[in-house]
Amino acid sequence: MKSWVLAAAIYFVLWWIVLFAVLPWGVESQEEAGEVSPGSDPGAPARPLLLRKAMATTLISAVIMGLGYGAWALGLIGGIFPAGLISPR
C-alpha cells in the first residue's frame, strides 16, 4: 500500500513542477494582443489556454514519471528511498 501512495505523492509534486514550467508557453499579454480589458493589468494573459496546458502538463509528467519508474525498475537508480518504504522485488 505504501508504494502506490509514494508514487502518487511523487506524481503530484512532479505535476505541479511541470505545470509551472509549462504555464509561460504561448502566453500573449493583453497589451501585446491589443485587447486590454478595463480594470485589468495590461500584462495579464489575453488567452491563458489553461486546459491545453493542464493536458500538456499531465502528458509530460506521465512521461517523466514513467522514465523515472523504468530507471528505478532497471536498477539504474536506487537507494534513495528509506528502508522498508518500498518492498524489494
Protein backbone atom coordinates (compact mmCIF):
# COMPACT_ATOMS: atom_id res chain seq x y z
CA MET A 1 0.00 0.00 0.00
CA LYS A 2 2.82 2.39 0.77
CA SER A 3 4.37 2.17 -2.69
CA TRP A 4 1.32 3.46 -4.59
CA VAL A 5 0.88 6.29 -2.10
CA LEU A 6 4.53 7.23 -2.58
CA ALA A 7 4.15 7.09 -6.37
CA ALA A 8 1.03 9.28 -6.20
CA ALA A 9 2.84 11.80 -3.98
CA ILE A 10 5.81 11.93 -6.34
CA TYR A 11 3.50 12.36 -9.33
CA PHE A 12 1.56 15.13 -7.55
CA VAL A 13 4.73 17.12 -6.84
CA LEU A 14 6.11 16.44 -10.31
CA TRP A 15 2.85 17.58 -11.93
CA TRP A 16 2.96 20.94 -10.16
CA ILE A 17 6.64 21.48 -11.01
CA VAL A 18 5.95 20.74 -14.68
CA LEU A 19 2.85 22.99 -14.61
CA PHE A 20 4.94 25.97 -13.54
CA ALA A 21 7.37 25.19 -16.36
CA VAL A 22 4.53 24.91 -18.92
CA LEU A 23 2.49 27.98 -17.87
CA PRO A 24 4.57 30.54 -19.82
CA TRP A 25 4.26 28.63 -23.11
CA GLY A 26 2.48 30.66 -25.77
CA VAL A 27 1.42 33.46 -23.44
CA GLU A 28 0.50 36.73 -25.10
CA SER A 29 -0.33 39.65 -22.83
CA GLN A 30 -3.45 41.75 -23.30
CA GLU A 31 -1.20 44.67 -24.21
CA GLU A 32 0.56 42.65 -26.92
CA ALA A 33 -2.79 41.46 -28.27
CA GLY A 34 -4.21 44.99 -28.19
CA GLU A 35 -7.22 43.88 -26.12
CA VAL A 36 -6.70 45.41 -22.67
CA SER A 37 -9.87 44.89 -20.61
CA PRO A 38 -10.78 47.86 -18.42
CA GLY A 39 -9.66 47.34 -14.83
CA SER A 40 -7.22 44.52 -15.62
CA ASP A 41 -3.46 44.50 -15.74
CA PRO A 42 -2.07 45.00 -19.27
CA GLY A 43 0.37 42.15 -18.62
CA ALA A 44 -2.41 39.66 -17.90
CA PRO A 45 -2.73 36.88 -20.49
CA ALA A 46 -5.20 37.53 -23.30
CA ARG A 47 -5.89 33.79 -23.67
CA PRO A 48 -4.32 31.67 -20.92
CA LEU A 49 -5.25 28.30 -22.56
CA LEU A 50 -5.24 26.57 -19.16
CA LEU A 51 -6.96 23.36 -20.27
CA ARG A 52 -4.39 22.82 -23.03
CA LYS A 53 -1.58 23.49 -20.57
CA ALA A 54 -3.07 21.11 -17.99
CA MET A 55 -3.25 18.36 -20.61
CA ALA A 56 0.34 19.02 -21.71
CA THR A 57 1.43 19.00 -18.05
CA THR A 58 -0.30 15.67 -17.45
CA LEU A 59 1.31 14.10 -20.52
CA ILE A 60 4.80 15.41 -19.77
CA SER A 61 4.53 14.40 -16.09
CA ALA A 62 3.39 10.90 -17.05
CA VAL A 63 6.36 10.52 -19.42
CA ILE A 64 8.83 11.75 -16.78
CA MET A 65 7.24 9.50 -14.14
CA GLY A 66 7.38 6.53 -16.50
CA LEU A 67 11.04 7.16 -17.30
CA GLY A 68 11.82 7.51 -13.62
CA TYR A 69 9.97 4.32 -12.75
CA GLY A 70 11.68 2.48 -15.60
CA ALA A 71 15.11 3.62 -14.43
CA TRP A 72 14.25 2.55 -10.88
CA ALA A 73 12.86 -0.84 -12.01
CA LEU A 74 16.01 -1.50 -14.05
CA GLY A 75 18.19 -0.66 -11.08
CA LEU A 76 19.74 2.40 -12.71
CA ILE A 77 18.72 4.50 -9.72
CA GLY A 78 18.11 3.18 -6.27
CA GLY A 79 18.84 3.52 -2.63
CA ILE A 80 17.05 6.86 -2.50
CA PHE A 81 14.07 5.62 -0.51
CA PRO A 82 14.15 4.83 3.21
CA ALA A 83 14.38 1.13 4.02
CA GLY A 84 11.02 -0.58 4.15
CA LEU A 85 9.13 2.12 2.28
CA ILE A 86 9.14 0.14 -0.98
CA SER A 87 9.33 -3.63 -0.85
CA PRO A 88 12.19 -5.19 -2.83
CA ARG A 89 11.38 -7.26 -5.87
